[in-house]
Amino acid sequence: MVTLKKQIVAGEYIGKKVAVFSKKNDKQLSQGVIVDETKNTFALKEDDKKDYQRKVGRYKKIIKKDVYFVANFGSKKIKVDGLLLAKRSEDRIKIKI
């Protein structure tokens, strides 16, 4: 059975809807769906509710170590420090928790 801690650290984030908050002042920076991942960044397709003419949201590169991510895991909303995720996804799977 996969524990919640293991699911958070080693889980798949591509396709997950997240809110992004600054570590410096807890201000929300962005919100959207993660569409790509590298070792140090997530590519986020932002929710774009202001521009109804445009069907496609903007894409942003988010540096993992500088932010917190809030995402749903099951029925819980959990705040995750981006520093925990600042590894390649295949390396996060190998972490012992």
Foldseek 3Di string as FASTA:
>chain_A
DDDPVLCVLLNDQAQFWKWKAFPVPRHTDFTAGFHDDDLFWTWGFGDDPPDPVDPGGDIDIDGQQGIWIWGDDPNDTDIHRSVSRNGGSVVSNPDDD
